[in-house]
Amino acid sequence: MCRNIRTLHNFEPPATSDEVRAAAVQYVRKISGAAKPSQANEAAFARAVDAVTEATQRLLDELVTAAPPKNREVEAAKARERAALRYAR
């Protein structure tokens, strides 16, 4: 999976519509191989982003879990620690 796409499920506060859309844009960019589509493909790219955004939001709305919500700050700190270990010289 693309490292720029983050887990959005089970966070407090819940993922915003902007975060869901950003993940959809990253997904469409990854599978299309284009960071910015050509004019000829711009409409198809936009439709794909809209469709992925809707599907992602629907999925997040329907998922259930018994686990307590994760804290964004704690998860960000864990990610920074992992990155420090990965990129340590």
Protein backbone atom coordinates (compact mmCIF):
# COMPACT_ATOMS: atom_id res chain seq x y z
CA MET A 1 0.00 0.00 0.00
CA CYS A 2 1.13 3.54 -0.61
CA ARG A 3 2.75 4.94 2.52
CA ASN A 4 0.88 8.22 2.08
CA ILE A 5 -2.48 6.55 2.60
CA ARG A 6 -3.17 6.39 6.32
CA THR A 7 -5.56 4.27 8.35
CA LEU A 8 -8.74 6.26 8.89
CA HIS A 9 -10.85 3.81 10.87
CA ASN A 10 -11.39 3.93 14.64
CA PHE A 11 -9.85 7.28 15.53
CA GLU A 12 -11.13 9.89 17.92
CA PRO A 13 -12.12 12.29 16.52
CA PRO A 14 -13.29 10.41 13.40
CA ALA A 15 -11.68 11.02 10.03
CA THR A 16 -12.83 14.22 8.36
CA SER A 17 -14.24 14.39 4.85
CA ASP A 18 -11.01 16.15 3.82
CA GLU A 19 -8.92 13.23 5.11
CA VAL A 20 -11.14 10.74 3.29
CA ARG A 21 -10.86 12.72 0.04
CA ALA A 22 -7.07 13.08 0.42
CA ALA A 23 -6.78 9.30 0.79
CA ALA A 24 -8.94 8.83 -2.31
CA VAL A 25 -6.74 11.22 -4.31
CA GLN A 26 -3.61 9.33 -3.21
CA TYR A 27 -5.21 6.01 -4.17
CA VAL A 28 -6.26 7.23 -7.62
CA ARG A 29 -2.83 8.79 -8.19
CA LYS A 30 -1.15 5.52 -7.24
CA ILE A 31 -3.22 3.24 -9.46
CA SER A 32 -3.28 5.66 -12.39
CA GLY A 33 0.43 6.39 -12.17
CA ALA A 34 -0.24 10.10 -12.54
CA ALA A 35 0.17 12.75 -9.87
CA LYS A 36 -1.69 15.19 -12.09
CA PRO A 37 -3.78 13.90 -14.94
CA SER A 38 -3.58 15.30 -18.45
CA GLN A 39 -6.46 17.45 -19.65
CA ALA A 40 -7.75 14.46 -21.62
CA ASN A 41 -7.92 12.37 -18.43
CA GLU A 42 -8.90 15.05 -15.93
CA ALA A 43 -12.63 14.26 -15.93
CA ALA A 44 -12.07 10.53 -15.52
CA PHE A 45 -9.59 11.21 -12.70
CA ALA A 46 -12.09 13.49 -10.91
CA ARG A 47 -14.90 10.92 -11.27
CA ALA A 48 -12.63 8.21 -9.88
CA VAL A 49 -11.67 10.37 -6.90
CA ASP A 50 -15.36 11.09 -6.22
CA ALA A 51 -16.27 7.39 -6.44
CA VAL A 52 -13.40 6.29 -4.19
CA THR A 53 -14.24 9.04 -1.69
CA GLU A 54 -17.88 7.89 -1.52
CA ALA A 55 -16.93 4.22 -1.20
CA THR A 56 -14.36 4.99 1.50
CA GLN A 57 -16.77 7.11 3.52
CA ARG A 58 -19.46 4.44 3.24
CA LEU A 59 -16.97 1.80 4.41
CA LEU A 60 -15.86 3.90 7.39
CA ASP A 61 -19.49 4.58 8.33
CA GLU A 62 -20.36 0.87 8.25
CA LEU A 63 -17.31 -0.62 9.99
CA VAL A 64 -17.83 -1.72 13.59
CA THR A 65 -15.26 -2.52 16.25
CA ALA A 66 -15.15 -3.33 19.94
CA ALA A 67 -11.68 -1.76 20.25
CA PRO A 68 -11.42 1.64 21.88
CA PRO A 69 -10.75 4.52 19.47
CA LYS A 70 -7.10 5.30 18.81
CA ASN A 71 -5.60 8.63 19.77
CA ARG A 72 -4.20 10.53 16.79
CA GLU A 73 -1.31 12.04 18.75
CA VAL A 74 -0.22 8.69 20.19
CA GLU A 75 -0.36 7.03 16.75
CA ALA A 76 1.60 9.93 15.20
CA ALA A 77 4.28 9.56 17.89
CA LYS A 78 4.53 5.83 17.17
CA ALA A 79 4.90 6.56 13.45
CA ARG A 80 7.69 9.08 14.17
CA GLU A 81 9.49 6.49 16.29
CA ARG A 82 9.23 3.89 13.53
CA ALA A 83 10.52 6.40 10.99
CA ALA A 84 13.45 7.34 13.22
CA LEU A 85 14.44 3.69 13.49
CA ARG A 86 13.96 3.06 9.79
CA TYR A 87 16.01 6.08 8.70
CA ALA A 88 18.66 5.99 11.45
CA ARG A 89 22.17 6.05 10.08
